[in-house]
Amino acid sequence: MAKAMKGPRPLRVLILGQQESLNIILERHLQQRGYEVHILPSEGESEPGDWVGDVLLYDMDGVGGEKLLSPARRWPEARFTVVMGSSSVSRDRLEELGVVAFLLKPFDVERLGRYLSTLQRLVQVSEERGDYLIGSEKQAAGQRARVLIVDDDVDVAQTIEQSLKTVADYELAIAHNGLEALERCVEWRPHCVVADLIMPWMNGYQMMRCLRRSALPNPPAFVLMSALTPRQLARKPYLREEKSVVYVEKPFFVEHLQAAIEQALQKLAPATRPLA
């Protein structure tokens, strides 16, 4: 008798926060969507670090909420951390904490749902074997490099696309936010992602972090466009640590962007690099 095919496992979501009522609401809502959900104790005998999941939803509201992010406290083991809070948190602080998204309360629960559905797809793909892995297909001589352009400004994205068409023979696609870009990475498997550093929903660096933490064996190369100068970038440790990314300072000529793309492509593993 043929063996029944196993479906994908549910995303495992861990909730950590001091507002019990919100925790319960989130738990019920996410369970209705088919996720495996666990509310973690914020204090007491069980340490949050004893738990393992795919996504950690962390609520910063409450007494000493941000202090719980202290390195002295053991964190649950999760690939992705999404932080929620009633007051804004500096971008640098969020990056230092390694979060992939911040939700400012009150937020539409459908917005959280979109984050989780995208992260679930990344987890599923990373656990599959076969043709769905980014860059896993055999490279053929003369294959064109697939370049995904990500910018929340529609006009800017289209201008970059048209400009690149005049200087290089790339296959090009556009996404207008980080979540849409992650979905395109799964479906289209670009060799290189050219993304704006600052965007709503998910910025370029958070998007790159998601792909790295999803454990995909061959993630795309990255070019990040930023108005920050090299000196300003050097002051941000979380940007300095990522050696595989190439930065382009705005404004730039298209030839500079093309050179950055070629430089980024050279950072890919030889087996997944498009052949000219």
C-alpha atoms as a PDB file:
ATOM      1  CA  MET A   1       0.000   0.000   0.000  1.00  0.00           C
ATOM      2  CA  ALA A   2       1.314   3.460  -0.916  1.00  0.00           C
ATOM      3  CA  LYS A   3       2.435   5.622   1.953  1.00  0.00           C
ATOM      4  CA  ALA A   4       0.268   8.672   2.622  1.00  0.00           C
ATOM      5  CA  MET A   5       1.953  11.993   1.851  1.00  0.00           C
ATOM      6  CA  LYS A   6       2.604  14.102   4.927  1.00  0.00           C
ATOM      7  CA  GLY A   7       1.428  17.688   4.845  1.00  0.00           C
ATOM      8  CA  PRO A   8       3.601  20.574   6.035  1.00  0.00           C
ATOM      9  CA  ARG A   9       3.842  20.895   9.791  1.00  0.00           C
ATOM     10  CA  PRO A  10       2.165  23.910  11.424  1.00  0.00           C
ATOM     11  CA  LEU A  11       4.223  26.975  12.249  1.00  0.00           C
ATOM     12  CA  ARG A  12       5.182  26.944  15.931  1.00  0.00           C
ATOM     13  CA  VAL A  13       4.534  30.364  17.501  1.00  0.00           C
ATOM     14  CA  LEU A  14       5.732  31.322  20.982  1.00  0.00           C
ATOM     15  CA  ILE A  15       4.061  34.272  22.775  1.00  0.00           C
ATOM     16  CA  LEU A  16       5.918  36.085  25.554  1.00  0.00           C
ATOM     17  CA  GLY A  17       4.407  39.105  27.302  1.00  0.00           C
ATOM     18  CA  GLN A  18       2.949  40.411  30.541  1.00  0.00           C
ATOM     19  CA  GLN A  19      -0.558  41.230  29.241  1.00  0.00           C
ATOM     20  CA  GLU A  20      -2.427  37.971  29.788  1.00  0.00           C
ATOM     21  CA  SER A  21      -5.607  39.074  28.006  1.00  0.00           C
ATOM     22  CA  LEU A  22      -3.699  39.975  24.833  1.00  0.00           C
ATOM     23  CA  ASN A  23      -1.770  36.709  24.991  1.00  0.00           C
ATOM     24  CA  ILE A  24      -5.020  34.727  25.116  1.00  0.00           C
ATOM     25  CA  ILE A  25      -6.587  36.708  22.245  1.00  0.00           C
ATOM     26  CA  LEU A  26      -3.513  36.142  20.088  1.00  0.00           C
ATOM     27  CA  GLU A  27      -3.393  32.466  21.022  1.00  0.00           C
ATOM     28  CA  ARG A  28      -7.021  31.870  20.000  1.00  0.00           C
ATOM     29  CA  HIS A  29      -6.721  33.828  16.785  1.00  0.00           C
ATOM     30  CA  LEU A  30      -3.521  32.094  15.688  1.00  0.00           C
ATOM     31  CA  GLN A  31      -4.806  28.645  16.607  1.00  0.00           C
ATOM     32  CA  GLN A  32      -7.827  29.300  14.385  1.00  0.00           C
ATOM     33  CA  ARG A  33      -5.361  29.893  11.551  1.00  0.00           C
ATOM     34  CA  GLY A  34      -3.845  26.483  12.141  1.00  0.00           C
ATOM     35  CA  TYR A  35      -0.681  27.505  13.992  1.00  0.00           C
ATOM     36  CA  GLU A  36       0.743  25.667  16.987  1.00  0.00           C
ATOM     37  CA  VAL A  37       0.775  28.314  19.725  1.00  0.00           C
ATOM     38  CA  HIS A  38       2.361  28.347  23.188  1.00  0.00           C
ATOM     39  CA  ILE A  39       2.095  31.165  25.752  1.00  0.00           C
ATOM     40  CA  LEU A  40       5.355  31.317  27.687  1.00  0.00           C
ATOM     41  CA  PRO A  41       5.581  32.269  31.363  1.00  0.00           C
ATOM     42  CA  SER A  42       7.010  35.760  31.793  1.00  0.00           C
ATOM     43  CA  GLU A  43       8.246  34.887  35.257  1.00  0.00           C
ATOM     44  CA  GLY A  44       8.436  31.955  37.628  1.00  0.00           C
ATOM     45  CA  GLU A  45      10.117  28.574  37.612  1.00  0.00           C
ATOM     46  CA  SER A  46      10.102  27.970  33.868  1.00  0.00           C
ATOM     47  CA  GLU A  47      12.622  30.003  31.881  1.00  0.00           C
ATOM     48  CA  PRO A  48      11.596  31.275  28.410  1.00  0.00           C
ATOM     49  CA  GLY A  49      14.904  29.884  27.189  1.00  0.00           C
ATOM     50  CA  ASP A  50      13.587  26.341  27.729  1.00  0.00           C
ATOM     51  CA  TRP A  51      11.274  26.681  24.717  1.00  0.00           C
ATOM     52  CA  VAL A  52      11.880  26.218  20.993  1.00  0.00           C
ATOM     53  CA  GLY A  53       9.723  27.577  18.165  1.00  0.00           C
ATOM     54  CA  ASP A  54       9.732  29.087  14.693  1.00  0.00           C
ATOM     55  CA  VAL A  55       8.479  32.572  15.630  1.00  0.00           C
ATOM     56  CA  LEU A  56       8.653  34.457  18.927  1.00  0.00           C
ATOM     57  CA  LEU A  57       5.982  37.154  19.408  1.00  0.00           C
ATOM     58  CA  TYR A  58       7.354  39.402  22.134  1.00  0.00           C
ATOM     59  CA  ASP A  59       5.212  42.086  23.798  1.00  0.00           C
ATOM     60  CA  MET A  60       7.371  44.889  25.216  1.00  0.00           C
ATOM     61  CA  ASP A  61       4.516  46.471  27.202  1.00  0.00           C
ATOM     62  CA  GLY A  62       4.508  45.995  30.956  1.00  0.00           C
ATOM     63  CA  VAL A  63       6.859  46.632  33.856  1.00  0.00           C
ATOM     64  CA  GLY A  64      10.429  46.474  32.630  1.00  0.00           C
ATOM     65  CA  GLY A  65       9.323  45.133  29.267  1.00  0.00           C
ATOM     66  CA  GLU A  66      12.434  46.172  27.418  1.00  0.00           C
ATOM     67  CA  LYS A  67      14.662  44.898  30.233  1.00  0.00           C
ATOM     68  CA  LEU A  68      13.445  41.390  29.457  1.00  0.00           C
ATOM     69  CA  LEU A  69      15.400  41.755  26.239  1.00  0.00           C
ATOM     70  CA  SER A  70      18.601  41.870  28.271  1.00  0.00           C
ATOM     71  CA  PRO A  71      21.215  39.325  27.158  1.00  0.00           C
ATOM     72  CA  ALA A  72      21.388  38.121  30.777  1.00  0.00           C
ATOM     73  CA  ARG A  73      17.955  36.530  30.346  1.00  0.00           C
ATOM     74  CA  ARG A  74      17.785  33.396  28.254  1.00  0.00           C
ATOM     75  CA  TRP A  75      15.622  33.814  25.174  1.00  0.00           C
ATOM     76  CA  PRO A  76      13.408  31.118  23.697  1.00  0.00           C
ATOM     77  CA  GLU A  77      15.057  29.535  20.679  1.00  0.00           C
ATOM     78  CA  ALA A  78      13.242  30.854  17.606  1.00  0.00           C
ATOM     79  CA  ARG A  79      14.302  31.631  14.052  1.00  0.00           C
ATOM     80  CA  PHE A  80      12.309  34.849  13.859  1.00  0.00           C
ATOM     81  CA  THR A  81      11.413  37.437  16.514  1.00  0.00           C
ATOM     82  CA  VAL A  82       8.504  39.849  16.030  1.00  0.00           C
ATOM     83  CA  VAL A  83       8.226  42.597  18.671  1.00  0.00           C
ATOM     84  CA  MET A  84       4.971  44.363  19.647  1.00  0.00           C
ATOM     85  CA  GLY A  85       4.585  47.530  21.707  1.00  0.00           C
ATOM     86  CA  SER A  86       2.507  50.657  22.408  1.00  0.00           C
ATOM     87  CA  SER A  87       5.418  53.036  21.892  1.00  0.00           C
ATOM     88  CA  SER A  88       7.919  53.198  19.092  1.00  0.00           C
ATOM     89  CA  VAL A  89      11.392  51.715  19.442  1.00  0.00           C
ATOM     90  CA  SER A  90      14.441  53.092  17.673  1.00  0.00           C
ATOM     91  CA  ARG A  91      15.427  51.328  14.476  1.00  0.00           C
ATOM     92  CA  ASP A  92      18.951  50.810  15.782  1.00  0.00           C
ATOM     93  CA  ARG A  93      17.630  49.160  18.953  1.00  0.00           C
ATOM     94  CA  LEU A  94      15.422  46.788  16.968  1.00  0.00           C
ATOM     95  CA  GLU A  95      18.318  45.849  14.717  1.00  0.00           C
ATOM     96  CA  GLU A  96      20.574  45.229  17.708  1.00  0.00           C
ATOM     97  CA  LEU A  97      17.932  42.849  19.069  1.00  0.00           C
ATOM     98  CA  GLY A  98      17.796  41.025  15.752  1.00  0.00           C
ATOM     99  CA  VAL A  99      14.027  41.308  15.247  1.00  0.00           C
ATOM    100  CA  VAL A 100      12.457  40.820  11.832  1.00  0.00           C
ATOM    101  CA  ALA A 101       9.458  43.111  12.423  1.00  0.00           C
ATOM    102  CA  PHE A 102       7.940  45.579  14.896  1.00  0.00           C
ATOM    103  CA  LEU A 103       4.168  45.977  15.330  1.00  0.00           C
ATOM    104  CA  LEU A 104       3.030  49.263  16.899  1.00  0.00           C
ATOM    105  CA  LYS A 105      -0.197  48.834  18.888  1.00  0.00           C
ATOM    106  CA  PRO A 106      -2.987  48.931  18.088  1.00  0.00           C
ATOM    107  CA  PHE A 107      -2.387  46.910  14.932  1.00  0.00           C
ATOM    108  CA  ASP A 108      -4.618  45.021  12.543  1.00  0.00           C
ATOM    109  CA  VAL A 109      -4.368  41.331  13.391  1.00  0.00           C
ATOM    110  CA  GLU A 110      -4.435  40.646   9.646  1.00  0.00           C
ATOM    111  CA  ARG A 111      -1.109  42.448   9.436  1.00  0.00           C
ATOM    112  CA  LEU A 112       0.364  39.989  11.929  1.00  0.00           C
ATOM    113  CA  GLY A 113      -1.255  37.203   9.940  1.00  0.00           C
ATOM    114  CA  ARG A 114       0.549  38.258   6.797  1.00  0.00           C
ATOM    115  CA  TYR A 115       3.908  38.269   8.563  1.00  0.00           C
ATOM    116  CA  LEU A 116       3.302  34.781   9.925  1.00  0.00           C
ATOM    117  CA  SER A 117       2.045  33.318   6.647  1.00  0.00           C
ATOM    118  CA  THR A 118       5.171  34.595   4.876  1.00  0.00           C
ATOM    119  CA  LEU A 119       7.469  33.272   7.603  1.00  0.00           C
ATOM    120  CA  GLN A 120       5.637  29.947   7.493  1.00  0.00           C
ATOM    121  CA  ARG A 121       6.364  29.645   3.790  1.00  0.00           C
ATOM    122  CA  LEU A 122      10.054  30.318   4.427  1.00  0.00           C
ATOM    123  CA  VAL A 123      10.158  27.621   7.109  1.00  0.00           C
ATOM    124  CA  GLN A 124       8.382  25.132   4.838  1.00  0.00           C
ATOM    125  CA  VAL A 125      10.718  25.776   1.933  1.00  0.00           C
ATOM    126  CA  SER A 126      13.811  25.465   4.112  1.00  0.00           C
ATOM    127  CA  GLU A 127      12.623  22.044   5.283  1.00  0.00           C
ATOM    128  CA  GLU A 128      11.767  20.762   1.825  1.00  0.00           C
ATOM    129  CA  ARG A 129      14.288  19.033  -0.387  1.00  0.00           C
ATOM    130  CA  GLY A 130      14.316  19.386  -4.136  1.00  0.00           C
ATOM    131  CA  ASP A 131      13.604  22.054  -6.696  1.00  0.00           C
ATOM    132  CA  TYR A 132      12.079  24.605  -4.314  1.00  0.00           C
ATOM    133  CA  LEU A 133      15.364  25.661  -2.757  1.00  0.00           C
ATOM    134  CA  ILE A 134      16.598  29.083  -3.798  1.00  0.00           C
ATOM    135  CA  GLY A 135      19.368  28.784  -6.346  1.00  0.00           C
ATOM    136  CA  SER A 136      19.340  24.967  -6.195  1.00  0.00           C
ATOM    137  CA  GLU A 137      18.691  24.390  -9.882  1.00  0.00           C
ATOM    138  CA  LYS A 138      21.581  23.478 -12.135  1.00  0.00           C
ATOM    139  CA  GLN A 139      23.157  26.500 -13.780  1.00  0.00           C
ATOM    140  CA  ALA A 140      23.354  26.581 -17.547  1.00  0.00           C
ATOM    141  CA  ALA A 141      25.907  28.480 -19.580  1.00  0.00           C
ATOM    142  CA  GLY A 142      24.447  31.778 -20.709  1.00  0.00           C
ATOM    143  CA  GLN A 143      21.809  31.855 -17.972  1.00  0.00           C
ATOM    144  CA  ARG A 144      20.686  35.381 -17.166  1.00  0.00           C
ATOM    145  CA  ALA A 145      20.934  36.567 -13.583  1.00  0.00           C
ATOM    146  CA  ARG A 146      17.561  37.069 -11.906  1.00  0.00           C
ATOM    147  CA  VAL A 147      17.485  40.393 -10.050  1.00  0.00           C
ATOM    148  CA  LEU A 148      14.617  41.390  -7.746  1.00  0.00           C
ATOM    149  CA  ILE A 149      14.160  45.143  -7.168  1.00  0.00           C
ATOM    150  CA  VAL A 150      12.489  46.092  -3.870  1.00  0.00           C
ATOM    151  CA  ASP A 151      11.393  49.661  -3.143  1.00  0.00           C
ATOM    152  CA  ASP A 152       8.178  51.004  -1.605  1.00  0.00           C
ATOM    153  CA  ASP A 153       8.282  53.955  -4.023  1.00  0.00           C
ATOM    154  CA  VAL A 154       6.637  52.632  -7.194  1.00  0.00           C
ATOM    155  CA  ASP A 155       8.235  55.267  -9.427  1.00  0.00           C
ATOM    156  CA  VAL A 156      11.720  54.622  -8.035  1.00  0.00           C
ATOM    157  CA  ALA A 157      11.367  50.863  -8.505  1.00  0.00           C
ATOM    158  CA  GLN A 158      10.221  51.285 -12.105  1.00  0.00           C
ATOM    159  CA  THR A 159      13.004  53.774 -12.843  1.00  0.00           C
ATOM    160  CA  ILE A 160      15.623  51.347 -11.520  1.00  0.00           C
ATOM    161  CA  GLU A 161      14.115  48.544 -13.592  1.00  0.00           C
ATOM    162  CA  GLN A 162      14.124  50.591 -16.805  1.00  0.00           C
ATOM    163  CA  SER A 163      17.645  51.887 -16.150  1.00  0.00           C
ATOM    164  CA  LEU A 164      19.065  48.402 -15.565  1.00  0.00           C
ATOM    165  CA  LYS A 165      17.516  47.233 -18.827  1.00  0.00           C
ATOM    166  CA  THR A 166      19.696  49.739 -20.670  1.00  0.00           C
ATOM    167  CA  VAL A 167      23.005  48.500 -19.214  1.00  0.00           C
ATOM    168  CA  ALA A 168      22.597  44.784 -18.473  1.00  0.00           C
ATOM    169  CA  ASP A 169      20.762  41.680 -19.662  1.00  0.00           C
ATOM    170  CA  TYR A 170      19.166  40.669 -16.359  1.00  0.00           C
ATOM    171  CA  GLU A 171      15.810  39.025 -15.745  1.00  0.00           C
ATOM    172  CA  LEU A 172      14.073  41.653 -13.611  1.00  0.00           C
ATOM    173  CA  ALA A 173      11.131  41.652 -11.220  1.00  0.00           C
ATOM    174  CA  ILE A 174       9.767  44.215  -8.740  1.00  0.00           C
ATOM    175  CA  ALA A 175       8.365  44.032  -5.202  1.00  0.00           C
ATOM    176  CA  HIS A 176       7.180  47.030  -3.174  1.00  0.00           C
ATOM    177  CA  ASN A 177       7.771  45.873   0.414  1.00  0.00           C
ATOM    178  CA  GLY A 178       9.845  43.355   2.309  1.00  0.00           C
ATOM    179  CA  LEU A 179       7.078  40.789   2.756  1.00  0.00           C
ATOM    180  CA  GLU A 180       6.194  40.815  -0.924  1.00  0.00           C
ATOM    181  CA  ALA A 181       9.905  40.444  -1.677  1.00  0.00           C
ATOM    182  CA  LEU A 182      10.235  37.383   0.572  1.00  0.00           C
ATOM    183  CA  GLU A 183       7.290  35.791  -1.223  1.00  0.00           C
ATOM    184  CA  ARG A 184       8.941  36.494  -4.577  1.00  0.00           C
ATOM    185  CA  CYS A 185      12.210  35.002  -3.304  1.00  0.00           C
ATOM    186  CA  VAL A 186      10.407  31.736  -2.585  1.00  0.00           C
ATOM    187  CA  GLU A 187       8.527  31.652  -5.895  1.00  0.00           C
ATOM    188  CA  TRP A 188      11.026  33.193  -8.314  1.00  0.00           C
ATOM    189  CA  ARG A 189      14.378  32.412  -6.639  1.00  0.00           C
ATOM    190  CA  PRO A 190      16.367  35.532  -7.614  1.00  0.00           C
ATOM    191  CA  HIS A 191      20.144  35.425  -7.678  1.00  0.00           C
ATOM    192  CA  CYS A 192      20.348  38.986  -6.334  1.00  0.00           C
ATOM    193  CA  VAL A 193      17.981  41.262  -4.411  1.00  0.00           C
ATOM    194  CA  VAL A 194      18.387  45.034  -4.786  1.00  0.00           C
ATOM    195  CA  ALA A 195      16.469  46.558  -1.873  1.00  0.00           C
ATOM    196  CA  ASP A 196      15.950  49.923  -0.238  1.00  0.00           C
ATOM    197  CA  LEU A 197      17.338  49.855   3.301  1.00  0.00           C
ATOM    198  CA  ILE A 198      14.384  51.763   4.813  1.00  0.00           C
ATOM    199  CA  MET A 199      10.868  50.506   3.965  1.00  0.00           C
ATOM    200  CA  PRO A 200       7.538  49.973   5.745  1.00  0.00           C
ATOM    201  CA  TRP A 201       6.437  46.484   6.865  1.00  0.00           C
ATOM    202  CA  MET A 202       9.976  45.133   6.751  1.00  0.00           C
ATOM    203  CA  ASN A 203      13.175  46.961   5.830  1.00  0.00           C
ATOM    204  CA  GLY A 204      15.908  45.637   3.586  1.00  0.00           C
ATOM    205  CA  TYR A 205      18.073  44.413   6.431  1.00  0.00           C
ATOM    206  CA  GLN A 206      15.181  42.612   8.176  1.00  0.00           C
ATOM    207  CA  MET A 207      14.292  40.948   4.890  1.00  0.00           C
ATOM    208  CA  MET A 208      17.874  39.761   4.489  1.00  0.00           C
ATOM    209  CA  ARG A 209      17.847  38.510   8.094  1.00  0.00           C
ATOM    210  CA  CYS A 210      14.683  36.484   7.409  1.00  0.00           C
ATOM    211  CA  LEU A 211      16.295  34.729   4.475  1.00  0.00           C
ATOM    212  CA  ARG A 212      19.471  34.016   6.416  1.00  0.00           C
ATOM    213  CA  ARG A 213      17.570  32.627   9.419  1.00  0.00           C
ATOM    214  CA  SER A 214      15.235  30.546   7.303  1.00  0.00           C
ATOM    215  CA  ALA A 215      18.226  28.226   6.735  1.00  0.00           C
ATOM    216  CA  LEU A 216      17.812  28.195   2.973  1.00  0.00           C
ATOM    217  CA  PRO A 217      21.020  26.650   1.643  1.00  0.00           C
ATOM    218  CA  ASN A 218      21.546  29.174  -1.153  1.00  0.00           C
ATOM    219  CA  PRO A 219      19.988  32.560  -0.316  1.00  0.00           C
ATOM    220  CA  PRO A 220      20.323  35.355  -2.876  1.00  0.00           C
ATOM    221  CA  ALA A 221      23.035  37.990  -2.840  1.00  0.00           C
ATOM    222  CA  PHE A 222      22.002  41.426  -1.561  1.00  0.00           C
ATOM    223  CA  VAL A 223      22.555  45.008  -2.667  1.00  0.00           C
ATOM    224  CA  LEU A 224      21.120  47.541  -0.204  1.00  0.00           C
ATOM    225  CA  MET A 225      20.396  51.088  -1.359  1.00  0.00           C
ATOM    226  CA  SER A 226      20.774  53.694   1.373  1.00  0.00           C
ATOM    227  CA  ALA A 227      21.127  57.437   1.879  1.00  0.00           C
ATOM    228  CA  LEU A 228      23.583  56.668   4.695  1.00  0.00           C
ATOM    229  CA  THR A 229      27.212  57.498   3.970  1.00  0.00           C
ATOM    230  CA  PRO A 230      29.947  54.847   4.406  1.00  0.00           C
ATOM    231  CA  ARG A 231      30.956  56.613   7.646  1.00  0.00           C
ATOM    232  CA  GLN A 232      27.397  56.420   9.000  1.00  0.00           C
ATOM    233  CA  LEU A 233      27.137  52.745   8.042  1.00  0.00           C
ATOM    234  CA  ALA A 234      30.410  52.052   9.837  1.00  0.00           C
ATOM    235  CA  ARG A 235      28.868  53.314  13.098  1.00  0.00           C
ATOM    236  CA  LYS A 236      26.141  50.671  13.000  1.00  0.00           C
ATOM    237  CA  PRO A 237      27.501  47.316  14.224  1.00  0.00           C
ATOM    238  CA  TYR A 238      24.585  45.282  12.893  1.00  0.00           C
ATOM    239  CA  LEU A 239      25.334  46.583   9.383  1.00  0.00           C
ATOM    240  CA  ARG A 240      29.088  46.054   9.664  1.00  0.00           C
ATOM    241  CA  GLU A 241      28.654  42.426  10.693  1.00  0.00           C
ATOM    242  CA  GLU A 242      26.979  41.432   7.440  1.00  0.00           C
ATOM    243  CA  LYS A 243      29.900  40.934   5.072  1.00  0.00           C
ATOM    244  CA  SER A 244      27.943  39.452   2.180  1.00  0.00           C
ATOM    245  CA  VAL A 245      25.921  42.587   1.403  1.00  0.00           C
ATOM    246  CA  VAL A 246      27.000  45.349  -0.985  1.00  0.00           C
ATOM    247  CA  TYR A 247      25.860  48.918  -0.235  1.00  0.00           C
ATOM    248  CA  VAL A 248      25.049  51.617  -2.773  1.00  0.00           C
ATOM    249  CA  GLU A 249      24.814  55.199  -1.558  1.00  0.00           C
ATOM    250  CA  LYS A 250      21.909  57.281  -2.884  1.00  0.00           C
ATOM    251  CA  PRO A 251      21.754  59.007  -5.274  1.00  0.00           C
ATOM    252  CA  PHE A 252      23.693  56.827  -7.713  1.00  0.00           C
ATOM    253  CA  PHE A 253      24.261  56.297 -11.422  1.00  0.00           C
ATOM    254  CA  VAL A 254      22.872  53.069 -12.865  1.00  0.00           C
ATOM    255  CA  GLU A 255      26.404  51.975 -13.791  1.00  0.00           C
ATOM    256  CA  HIS A 256      27.318  52.080 -10.087  1.00  0.00           C
ATOM    257  CA  LEU A 257      24.295  49.941  -9.264  1.00  0.00           C
ATOM    258  CA  GLN A 258      25.183  47.439 -11.971  1.00  0.00           C
ATOM    259  CA  ALA A 259      28.743  47.213 -10.621  1.00  0.00           C
ATOM    260  CA  ALA A 260      27.333  46.568  -7.130  1.00  0.00           C
ATOM    261  CA  ILE A 261      25.064  43.813  -8.482  1.00  0.00           C
ATOM    262  CA  GLU A 262      28.001  42.133 -10.227  1.00  0.00           C
ATOM    263  CA  GLN A 263      30.054  42.407  -7.041  1.00  0.00           C
ATOM    264  CA  ALA A 264      27.211  40.851  -5.023  1.00  0.00           C
ATOM    265  CA  LEU A 265      26.786  38.012  -7.533  1.00  0.00           C
ATOM    266  CA  GLN A 266      30.450  37.127  -7.100  1.00  0.00           C
ATOM    267  CA  LYS A 267      29.717  36.467  -3.415  1.00  0.00           C
ATOM    268  CA  LEU A 268      27.352  33.621  -4.311  1.00  0.00           C
ATOM    269  CA  ALA A 269      28.560  30.049  -4.032  1.00  0.00           C
ATOM    270  CA  PRO A 270      30.068  29.003  -7.407  1.00  0.00           C
ATOM    271  CA  ALA A 271      27.451  26.273  -7.880  1.00  0.00           C
ATOM    272  CA  THR A 272      24.587  28.766  -7.662  1.00  0.00           C
ATOM    273  CA  ARG A 273      26.185  31.697  -9.483  1.00  0.00           C
ATOM    274  CA  PRO A 274      24.617  32.489 -12.888  1.00  0.00           C
ATOM    275  CA  LEU A 275      27.081  31.810 -15.676  1.00  0.00           C
ATOM    276  CA  ALA A 276      27.728  34.534 -18.225  1.00  0.00           C
END
